[in-house]
All heavy atoms as atom14 arrays in JSON, in Angstrom:
{
  "sequence": "ATLERNTGRVRSLLSRIGLENRIVSDCDTLDIEDDLSDMAHA",
  "atom14_mask": [
    [1, 1, 1, 1, 1, 0, 0, 0, 0, 0, 0, 0, 0, 0],
    [1, 1, 1, 1, 1, 1, 1, 0, 0, 0, 0, 0, 0, 0],
    [1, 1, 1, 1, 1, 1, 1, 1, 0, 0, 0, 0, 0, 0],
    [1, 1, 1, 1, 1, 1, 1, 1, 1, 0, 0, 0, 0, 0],
    [1, 1, 1, 1, 1, 1, 1, 1, 1, 1, 1, 0, 0, 0],
    [1, 1, 1, 1, 1, 1, 1, 1, 0, 0, 0, 0, 0, 0],
    [1, 1, 1, 1, 1, 1, 1, 0, 0, 0, 0, 0, 0, 0],
    [1, 1, 1, 1, 0, 0, 0, 0, 0, 0, 0, 0, 0, 0],
    [1, 1, 1, 1, 1, 1, 1, 1, 1, 1, 1, 0, 0, 0],
    [1, 1, 1, 1, 1, 1, 1, 0, 0, 0, 0, 0, 0, 0],
    [1, 1, 1, 1, 1, 1, 1, 1, 1, 1, 1, 0, 0, 0],
    [1, 1, 1, 1, 1, 1, 0, 0, 0, 0, 0, 0, 0, 0],
    [1, 1, 1, 1, 1, 1, 1, 1, 0, 0, 0, 0, 0, 0],
    [1, 1, 1, 1, 1, 1, 1, 1, 0, 0, 0, 0, 0, 0],
    [1, 1, 1, 1, 1, 1, 0, 0, 0, 0, 0, 0, 0, 0],
    [1, 1, 1, 1, 1, 1, 1, 1, 1, 1, 1, 0, 0, 0],
    [1, 1, 1, 1, 1, 1, 1, 1, 0, 0, 0, 0, 0, 0],
    [1, 1, 1, 1, 0, 0, 0, 0, 0, 0, 0, 0, 0, 0],
    [1, 1, 1, 1, 1, 1, 1, 1, 0, 0, 0, 0, 0, 0],
    [1, 1, 1, 1, 1, 1, 1, 1, 1, 0, 0, 0, 0, 0],
    [1, 1, 1, 1, 1, 1, 1, 1, 0, 0, 0, 0, 0, 0],
    [1, 1, 1, 1, 1, 1, 1, 1, 1, 1, 1, 0, 0, 0],
    [1, 1, 1, 1, 1, 1, 1, 1, 0, 0, 0, 0, 0, 0],
    [1, 1, 1, 1, 1, 1, 1, 0, 0, 0, 0, 0, 0, 0],
    [1, 1, 1, 1, 1, 1, 0, 0, 0, 0, 0, 0, 0, 0],
    [1, 1, 1, 1, 1, 1, 1, 1, 0, 0, 0, 0, 0, 0],
    [1, 1, 1, 1, 1, 1, 0, 0, 0, 0, 0, 0, 0, 0],
    [1, 1, 1, 1, 1, 1, 1, 1, 0, 0, 0, 0, 0, 0],
    [1, 1, 1, 1, 1, 1, 1, 0, 0, 0, 0, 0, 0, 0],
    [1, 1, 1, 1, 1, 1, 1, 1, 0, 0, 0, 0, 0, 0],
    [1, 1, 1, 1, 1, 1, 1, 1, 0, 0, 0, 0, 0, 0],
    [1, 1, 1, 1, 1, 1, 1, 1, 0, 0, 0, 0, 0, 0],
    [1, 1, 1, 1, 1, 1, 1, 1, 1, 0, 0, 0, 0, 0],
    [1, 1, 1, 1, 1, 1, 1, 1, 0, 0, 0, 0, 0, 0],
    [1, 1, 1, 1, 1, 1, 1, 1, 0, 0, 0, 0, 0, 0],
    [1, 1, 1, 1, 1, 1, 1, 1, 0, 0, 0, 0, 0, 0],
    [1, 1, 1, 1, 1, 1, 0, 0, 0, 0, 0, 0, 0, 0],
    [1, 1, 1, 1, 1, 1, 1, 1, 0, 0, 0, 0, 0, 0],
    [1, 1, 1, 1, 1, 1, 1, 1, 0, 0, 0, 0, 0, 0],
    [1, 1, 1, 1, 1, 0, 0, 0, 0, 0, 0, 0, 0, 0],
    [1, 1, 1, 1, 1, 1, 1, 1, 1, 1, 0, 0, 0, 0],
    [1, 1, 1, 1, 1, 0, 0, 0, 0, 0, 0, 0, 0, 0]
  ],
  "atom14_positions": [
    [[-0.69, -4.15, -2.91], [-0.19, -5.37, -2.17], [-1.37, -6.03, -1.51], [-2.21, -5.29, -0.82], [0.83, -4.94, -1.15], [0.0, 0.0, 0.0], [0.0, 0.0, 0.0], [0.0, 0.0, 0.0], [0.0, 0.0, 0.0], [0.0, 0.0, 0.0], [0.0, 0.0, 0.0], [0.0, 0.0, 0.0], [0.0, 0.0, 0.0], [0.0, 0.0, 0.0]],
    [[-1.51, -7.32, -1.58], [-2.76, -7.86, -1.24], [-2.63, -9.2, -0.28], [-3.16, -10.3, -0.53], [-3.74, -8.45, -2.47], [-2.77, -9.21, -3.39], [-4.15, -7.22, -3.31], [0.0, 0.0, 0.0], [0.0, 0.0, 0.0], [0.0, 0.0, 0.0], [0.0, 0.0, 0.0], [0.0, 0.0, 0.0], [0.0, 0.0, 0.0], [0.0, 0.0, 0.0]],
    [[-1.75, -9.01, 0.67], [-1.33, -10.13, 1.59], [-2.47, -10.27, 2.64], [-2.97, -9.23, 3.16], [-0.05, -9.84, 2.27], [1.16, -9.88, 1.46], [1.36, -8.57, 0.67], [2.43, -10.26, 2.33], [0.0, 0.0, 0.0], [0.0, 0.0, 0.0], [0.0, 0.0, 0.0], [0.0, 0.0, 0.0], [0.0, 0.0, 0.0], [0.0, 0.0, 0.0]],
    [[-2.79, -11.37, 2.9], [-3.8, -11.72, 4.06], [-3.2, -12.29, 5.23], [-3.81, -12.47, 6.2], [-4.89, -12.62, 3.47], [-5.85, -11.93, 2.46], [-6.93, -12.78, 1.9], [-6.99, -13.97, 2.22], [-7.81, -12.25, 1.19], [0.0, 0.0, 0.0], [0.0, 0.0, 0.0], [0.0, 0.0, 0.0], [0.0, 0.0, 0.0], [0.0, 0.0, 0.0]],
    [[-1.94, -12.68, 5.14], [-1.18, -13.16, 6.36], [0.26, -12.9, 6.13], [0.7, -12.48, 4.93], [-1.26, -14.73, 6.39], [-0.82, -15.62, 5.13], [-0.96, -17.06, 5.32], [-0.39, -17.76, 4.21], [-0.87, -18.1, 3.05], [-1.98, -17.38, 2.69], [-0.19, -18.59, 2.14], [0.0, 0.0, 0.0], [0.0, 0.0, 0.0], [0.0, 0.0, 0.0]],
    [[1.01, -12.92, 7.22], [2.39, -12.58, 7.2], [2.66, -11.2, 6.52], [3.49, -11.09, 5.51], [3.24, -13.73, 6.48], [3.15, -15.04, 7.24], [3.2, -14.99, 8.45], [3.33, -16.08, 6.43], [0.0, 0.0, 0.0], [0.0, 0.0, 0.0], [0.0, 0.0, 0.0], [0.0, 0.0, 0.0], [0.0, 0.0, 0.0], [0.0, 0.0, 0.0]],
    [[1.82, -10.19, 7.01], [1.97, -8.96, 6.33], [2.98, -7.98, 6.71], [3.37, -7.05, 6.24], [0.61, -8.16, 6.61], [0.46, -7.92, 7.96], [-0.58, -8.9, 6.02], [0.0, 0.0, 0.0], [0.0, 0.0, 0.0], [0.0, 0.0, 0.0], [0.0, 0.0, 0.0], [0.0, 0.0, 0.0], [0.0, 0.0, 0.0], [0.0, 0.0, 0.0]],
    [[3.79, -8.54, 7.79], [4.83, -7.71, 8.45], [5.96, -7.22, 7.52], [6.45, -6.11, 7.54], [0.0, 0.0, 0.0], [0.0, 0.0, 0.0], [0.0, 0.0, 0.0], [0.0, 0.0, 0.0], [0.0, 0.0, 0.0], [0.0, 0.0, 0.0], [0.0, 0.0, 0.0], [0.0, 0.0, 0.0], [0.0, 0.0, 0.0], [0.0, 0.0, 0.0]],
    [[6.45, -8.25, 6.58], [7.56, -7.86, 5.64], [7.2, -6.77, 4.67], [7.88, -5.93, 4.55], [7.94, -9.13, 5.09], [7.06, -9.67, 4.01], [7.28, -11.13, 3.66], [6.96, -12.04, 4.76], [6.88, -13.34, 4.7], [7.11, -14.04, 3.43], [6.44, -14.04, 5.67], [0.0, 0.0, 0.0], [0.0, 0.0, 0.0], [0.0, 0.0, 0.0]],
    [[6.0, -6.87, 4.15], [5.48, -5.77, 3.21], [5.23, -4.4, 3.97], [5.46, -3.37, 3.48], [4.29, -6.39, 2.36], [3.68, -5.2, 1.62], [4.78, -7.53, 1.43], [0.0, 0.0, 0.0], [0.0, 0.0, 0.0], [0.0, 0.0, 0.0], [0.0, 0.0, 0.0], [0.0, 0.0, 0.0], [0.0, 0.0, 0.0], [0.0, 0.0, 0.0]],
    [[4.59, -4.54, 5.05], [4.22, -3.49, 5.76], [5.31, -2.66, 6.28], [5.32, -1.47, 6.22], [3.24, -3.89, 6.98], [2.41, -2.63, 7.58], [1.52, -3.18, 8.63], [0.44, -3.95, 7.9], [-0.6, -3.46, 7.35], [-0.85, -2.16, 7.33], [-1.59, -4.25, 6.87], [0.0, 0.0, 0.0], [0.0, 0.0, 0.0], [0.0, 0.0, 0.0]],
    [[6.3, -3.34, 6.66], [7.56, -2.71, 7.18], [8.26, -1.83, 6.12], [8.74, -0.81, 6.34], [8.55, -3.76, 7.63], [9.9, -3.25, 8.19], [0.0, 0.0, 0.0], [0.0, 0.0, 0.0], [0.0, 0.0, 0.0], [0.0, 0.0, 0.0], [0.0, 0.0, 0.0], [0.0, 0.0, 0.0], [0.0, 0.0, 0.0], [0.0, 0.0, 0.0]],
    [[8.31, -2.49, 4.83], [8.94, -1.88, 3.65], [8.14, -0.57, 3.35], [8.52, 0.55, 3.11], [8.99, -2.75, 2.5], [9.41, -2.09, 1.23], [10.69, -1.57, 1.21], [9.33, -3.16, 0.1], [0.0, 0.0, 0.0], [0.0, 0.0, 0.0], [0.0, 0.0, 0.0], [0.0, 0.0, 0.0], [0.0, 0.0, 0.0], [0.0, 0.0, 0.0]],
    [[6.74, -0.79, 3.05], [5.89, 0.24, 2.59], [5.61, 1.39, 3.6], [5.57, 2.46, 3.17], [4.5, -0.32, 2.07], [4.77, -1.37, 0.98], [3.33, -1.69, 0.38], [5.49, -0.76, -0.21], [0.0, 0.0, 0.0], [0.0, 0.0, 0.0], [0.0, 0.0, 0.0], [0.0, 0.0, 0.0], [0.0, 0.0, 0.0], [0.0, 0.0, 0.0]],
    [[5.63, 1.07, 4.74], [5.49, 2.14, 5.89], [6.69, 2.97, 5.97], [6.66, 4.25, 6.16], [5.1, 1.58, 7.19], [6.11, 0.69, 7.7], [0.0, 0.0, 0.0], [0.0, 0.0, 0.0], [0.0, 0.0, 0.0], [0.0, 0.0, 0.0], [0.0, 0.0, 0.0], [0.0, 0.0, 0.0], [0.0, 0.0, 0.0], [0.0, 0.0, 0.0]],
    [[7.83, 2.37, 5.62], [8.95, 3.15, 5.75], [9.35, 4.11, 4.61], [9.9, 5.12, 4.81], [10.29, 2.08, 5.74], [11.69, 2.72, 5.78], [11.89, 3.54, 7.15], [13.23, 4.14, 7.18], [14.26, 3.6, 7.49], [14.39, 2.53, 8.18], [15.43, 4.37, 7.64], [0.0, 0.0, 0.0], [0.0, 0.0, 0.0], [0.0, 0.0, 0.0]],
    [[8.67, 3.89, 3.46], [8.72, 4.68, 2.33], [7.46, 5.37, 2.01], [7.37, 6.0, 0.92], [9.35, 3.99, 1.21], [8.37, 2.84, 0.73], [10.73, 3.41, 1.44], [8.71, 2.1, -0.55], [0.0, 0.0, 0.0], [0.0, 0.0, 0.0], [0.0, 0.0, 0.0], [0.0, 0.0, 0.0], [0.0, 0.0, 0.0], [0.0, 0.0, 0.0]],
    [[6.51, 5.44, 2.94], [5.38, 6.23, 2.72], [4.24, 5.63, 1.67], [3.46, 6.43, 1.21], [0.0, 0.0, 0.0], [0.0, 0.0, 0.0], [0.0, 0.0, 0.0], [0.0, 0.0, 0.0], [0.0, 0.0, 0.0], [0.0, 0.0, 0.0], [0.0, 0.0, 0.0], [0.0, 0.0, 0.0], [0.0, 0.0, 0.0], [0.0, 0.0, 0.0]],
    [[4.33, 4.44, 1.51], [3.44, 3.75, 0.59], [2.6, 2.59, 1.25], [2.02, 1.75, 0.46], [4.2, 2.99, -0.59], [4.77, 4.04, -1.61], [5.57, 3.3, -2.66], [3.66, 4.83, -2.25], [0.0, 0.0, 0.0], [0.0, 0.0, 0.0], [0.0, 0.0, 0.0], [0.0, 0.0, 0.0], [0.0, 0.0, 0.0], [0.0, 0.0, 0.0]],
    [[2.31, 2.74, 2.55], [1.42, 1.75, 3.13], [0.03, 1.78, 2.76], [-0.71, 0.76, 2.79], [1.49, 1.99, 4.75], [0.97, 0.94, 5.58], [1.16, 1.09, 7.09], [1.52, 2.19, 7.41], [0.9, 0.1, 7.82], [0.0, 0.0, 0.0], [0.0, 0.0, 0.0], [0.0, 0.0, 0.0], [0.0, 0.0, 0.0], [0.0, 0.0, 0.0]],
    [[-0.4, 2.78, 2.05], [-1.79, 2.87, 1.53], [-1.95, 1.91, 0.32], [-3.01, 1.8, -0.15], [-2.12, 4.34, 1.21], [-1.27, 4.82, 0.02], [-0.07, 4.62, -0.04], [-1.88, 5.7, -0.84], [0.0, 0.0, 0.0], [0.0, 0.0, 0.0], [0.0, 0.0, 0.0], [0.0, 0.0, 0.0], [0.0, 0.0, 0.0], [0.0, 0.0, 0.0]],
    [[-0.85, 1.31, -0.11], [-0.93, 0.4, -1.33], [-1.35, -1.02, -0.85], [-1.58, -1.85, -1.69], [0.38, 0.34, -1.98], [1.02, 1.62, -2.48], [0.01, 2.61, -3.16], [-0.52, 2.18, -4.29], [-1.46, 2.81, -5.01], [-2.1, 3.9, -4.5], [-1.87, 2.34, -6.16], [0.0, 0.0, 0.0], [0.0, 0.0, 0.0], [0.0, 0.0, 0.0]],
    [[-1.37, -1.16, 0.44], [-1.89, -2.47, 0.99], [-3.39, -2.5, 1.06], [-3.95, -1.59, 1.68], [-1.31, -2.73, 2.41], [0.23, -2.78, 2.46], [-1.9, -3.99, 2.93], [0.81, -2.79, 3.78], [0.0, 0.0, 0.0], [0.0, 0.0, 0.0], [0.0, 0.0, 0.0], [0.0, 0.0, 0.0], [0.0, 0.0, 0.0], [0.0, 0.0, 0.0]],
    [[-3.97, -3.42, 0.33], [-5.47, -3.49, 0.17], [-5.98, -4.5, 1.19], [-5.64, -5.53, 1.25], [-5.75, -3.97, -1.21], [-7.39, -4.01, -1.29], [-5.25, -3.09, -2.34], [0.0, 0.0, 0.0], [0.0, 0.0, 0.0], [0.0, 0.0, 0.0], [0.0, 0.0, 0.0], [0.0, 0.0, 0.0], [0.0, 0.0, 0.0], [0.0, 0.0, 0.0]],
    [[-6.93, -3.91, 2.08], [-7.69, -4.71, 3.05], [-8.98, -4.88, 2.69], [-9.65, -5.81, 3.24], [-7.42, -3.98, 4.39], [-7.97, -2.79, 4.48], [0.0, 0.0, 0.0], [0.0, 0.0, 0.0], [0.0, 0.0, 0.0], [0.0, 0.0, 0.0], [0.0, 0.0, 0.0], [0.0, 0.0, 0.0], [0.0, 0.0, 0.0], [0.0, 0.0, 0.0]],
    [[-9.54, -4.04, 1.84], [-10.98, -4.14, 1.54], [-11.13, -3.78, -0.02], [-10.92, -2.58, -0.37], [-11.78, -3.22, 2.33], [-13.27, -3.4, 2.02], [-13.62, -4.09, 1.13], [-14.18, -2.67, 2.79], [0.0, 0.0, 0.0], [0.0, 0.0, 0.0], [0.0, 0.0, 0.0], [0.0, 0.0, 0.0], [0.0, 0.0, 0.0], [0.0, 0.0, 0.0]],
    [[-11.41, -4.73, -0.76], [-11.51, -4.55, -2.22], [-12.58, -3.47, -2.58], [-12.52, -2.66, -3.55], [-11.57, -5.89, -2.96], [-11.74, -5.63, -4.77], [0.0, 0.0, 0.0], [0.0, 0.0, 0.0], [0.0, 0.0, 0.0], [0.0, 0.0, 0.0], [0.0, 0.0, 0.0], [0.0, 0.0, 0.0], [0.0, 0.0, 0.0], [0.0, 0.0, 0.0]],
    [[-13.56, -3.42, -1.76], [-14.7, -2.55, -1.99], [-14.4, -1.05, -1.92], [-15.06, -0.18, -2.43], [-15.92, -2.84, -1.19], [-16.46, -4.28, -1.42], [-16.33, -4.57, -2.62], [-16.91, -4.86, -0.5], [0.0, 0.0, 0.0], [0.0, 0.0, 0.0], [0.0, 0.0, 0.0], [0.0, 0.0, 0.0], [0.0, 0.0, 0.0], [0.0, 0.0, 0.0]],
    [[-13.29, -0.73, -1.22], [-12.9, 0.65, -0.91], [-11.67, 1.0, -1.78], [-11.09, 2.09, -1.66], [-12.7, 0.96, 0.54], [-11.59, 0.0, 0.92], [-13.78, 0.62, 1.34], [0.0, 0.0, 0.0], [0.0, 0.0, 0.0], [0.0, 0.0, 0.0], [0.0, 0.0, 0.0], [0.0, 0.0, 0.0], [0.0, 0.0, 0.0], [0.0, 0.0, 0.0]],
    [[-11.3, 0.0, -2.76], [-10.13, 0.29, -3.64], [-10.32, 1.66, -4.43], [-11.32, 1.91, -5.07], [-10.0, -0.82, -4.43], [-8.71, -0.82, -5.51], [-7.48, -0.98, -4.48], [-8.76, -1.97, -6.47], [0.0, 0.0, 0.0], [0.0, 0.0, 0.0], [0.0, 0.0, 0.0], [0.0, 0.0, 0.0], [0.0, 0.0, 0.0], [0.0, 0.0, 0.0]],
    [[-9.17, 2.59, -4.24], [-9.27, 3.69, -5.11], [-8.35, 3.62, -6.31], [-7.19, 3.73, -6.26], [-8.78, 4.89, -4.28], [-8.83, 6.34, -4.93], [-9.46, 6.28, -6.21], [-8.42, 7.33, -4.42], [0.0, 0.0, 0.0], [0.0, 0.0, 0.0], [0.0, 0.0, 0.0], [0.0, 0.0, 0.0], [0.0, 0.0, 0.0], [0.0, 0.0, 0.0]],
    [[-8.91, 3.21, -7.46], [-8.26, 3.0, -8.69], [-7.55, 4.24, -9.23], [-6.57, 4.25, -9.95], [-9.01, 2.36, -9.78], [-9.45, 0.95, -9.19], [-8.35, 2.22, -11.06], [-10.37, 0.17, -10.18], [0.0, 0.0, 0.0], [0.0, 0.0, 0.0], [0.0, 0.0, 0.0], [0.0, 0.0, 0.0], [0.0, 0.0, 0.0], [0.0, 0.0, 0.0]],
    [[-8.21, 5.31, -8.86], [-7.66, 6.66, -9.42], [-6.45, 7.16, -8.72], [-5.62, 7.98, -9.26], [-8.77, 7.82, -9.17], [-10.1, 7.56, -9.85], [-9.94, 7.4, -11.35], [-9.11, 7.95, -12.0], [-10.69, 6.51, -11.85], [0.0, 0.0, 0.0], [0.0, 0.0, 0.0], [0.0, 0.0, 0.0], [0.0, 0.0, 0.0], [0.0, 0.0, 0.0]],
    [[-6.03, 6.5, -7.61], [-4.8, 6.86, -6.91], [-3.6, 6.17, -7.69], [-3.44, 4.9, -7.49], [-4.79, 6.31, -5.55], [-3.58, 6.7, -4.62], [-2.79, 7.48, -5.19], [-3.52, 6.14, -3.54], [0.0, 0.0, 0.0], [0.0, 0.0, 0.0], [0.0, 0.0, 0.0], [0.0, 0.0, 0.0], [0.0, 0.0, 0.0], [0.0, 0.0, 0.0]],
    [[-2.75, 6.9, -8.44], [-1.92, 6.32, -9.23], [-0.47, 6.48, -9.05], [0.41, 6.5, -9.74], [-2.08, 6.75, -10.71], [-1.96, 8.26, -10.9], [-1.72, 8.9, -9.96], [-1.97, 8.78, -12.0], [0.0, 0.0, 0.0], [0.0, 0.0, 0.0], [0.0, 0.0, 0.0], [0.0, 0.0, 0.0], [0.0, 0.0, 0.0], [0.0, 0.0, 0.0]],
    [[-0.17, 6.97, -7.7], [1.19, 7.29, -7.18], [1.78, 8.39, -7.94], [2.98, 8.61, -8.01], [2.1, 6.06, -7.38], [1.61, 4.64, -6.72], [2.71, 3.64, -6.93], [1.35, 4.83, -5.25], [0.0, 0.0, 0.0], [0.0, 0.0, 0.0], [0.0, 0.0, 0.0], [0.0, 0.0, 0.0], [0.0, 0.0, 0.0], [0.0, 0.0, 0.0]],
    [[0.85, 9.4, -8.46], [1.47, 10.45, -9.31], [2.34, 11.42, -8.5], [3.28, 12.07, -9.1], [0.36, 11.19, -9.95], [-0.62, 11.78, -8.86], [0.0, 0.0, 0.0], [0.0, 0.0, 0.0], [0.0, 0.0, 0.0], [0.0, 0.0, 0.0], [0.0, 0.0, 0.0], [0.0, 0.0, 0.0], [0.0, 0.0, 0.0], [0.0, 0.0, 0.0]],
    [[2.11, 11.58, -7.13], [2.97, 12.62, -6.32], [4.53, 12.08, -6.18], [5.34, 12.9, -5.92], [2.32, 12.95, -5.08], [2.14, 11.71, -4.14], [2.74, 10.62, -4.36], [1.61, 11.98, -2.99], [0.0, 0.0, 0.0], [0.0, 0.0, 0.0], [0.0, 0.0, 0.0], [0.0, 0.0, 0.0], [0.0, 0.0, 0.0], [0.0, 0.0, 0.0]],
    [[4.58, 10.77, -6.27], [6.03, 10.23, -6.03], [6.81, 10.7, -4.92], [8.01, 10.79, -4.79], [6.81, 10.52, -7.25], [6.31, 9.91, -8.58], [6.31, 8.1, -8.69], [8.05, 7.67, -8.67], [0.0, 0.0, 0.0], [0.0, 0.0, 0.0], [0.0, 0.0, 0.0], [0.0, 0.0, 0.0], [0.0, 0.0, 0.0], [0.0, 0.0, 0.0]],
    [[5.96, 11.01, -3.81], [6.56, 11.55, -2.49], [7.45, 10.45, -1.88], [8.32, 10.79, -1.09], [5.51, 12.03, -1.7], [0.0, 0.0, 0.0], [0.0, 0.0, 0.0], [0.0, 0.0, 0.0], [0.0, 0.0, 0.0], [0.0, 0.0, 0.0], [0.0, 0.0, 0.0], [0.0, 0.0, 0.0], [0.0, 0.0, 0.0], [0.0, 0.0, 0.0]],
    [[6.99, 9.32, -2.17], [7.86, 8.05, -1.5], [9.29, 8.06, -2.05], [10.09, 7.33, -1.48], [7.15, 6.74, -1.76], [7.17, 6.44, -3.22], [6.2, 7.08, -4.23], [7.85, 5.46, -3.97], [6.45, 6.41, -5.33], [7.51, 5.42, -5.16], [0.0, 0.0, 0.0], [0.0, 0.0, 0.0], [0.0, 0.0, 0.0], [0.0, 0.0, 0.0]],
    [[9.61, 8.67, -3.27], [10.83, 8.25, -4.0], [12.05, 8.9, -3.08], [13.05, 7.98, -2.96], [10.84, 9.16, -5.2], [0.0, 0.0, 0.0], [0.0, 0.0, 0.0], [0.0, 0.0, 0.0], [0.0, 0.0, 0.0], [0.0, 0.0, 0.0], [0.0, 0.0, 0.0], [0.0, 0.0, 0.0], [0.0, 0.0, 0.0], [0.0, 0.0, 0.0]]
  ]
}
């Protein structure tokens, strides 16, 4: 998720289901290896 404004709607959803780390704030620190494999959010 790459929102730069009005982030509340996406942040509210993703934080509720444990996927807030999918919001990218800095492209240089992007972890491409993180592939959601644990599915803990399900």
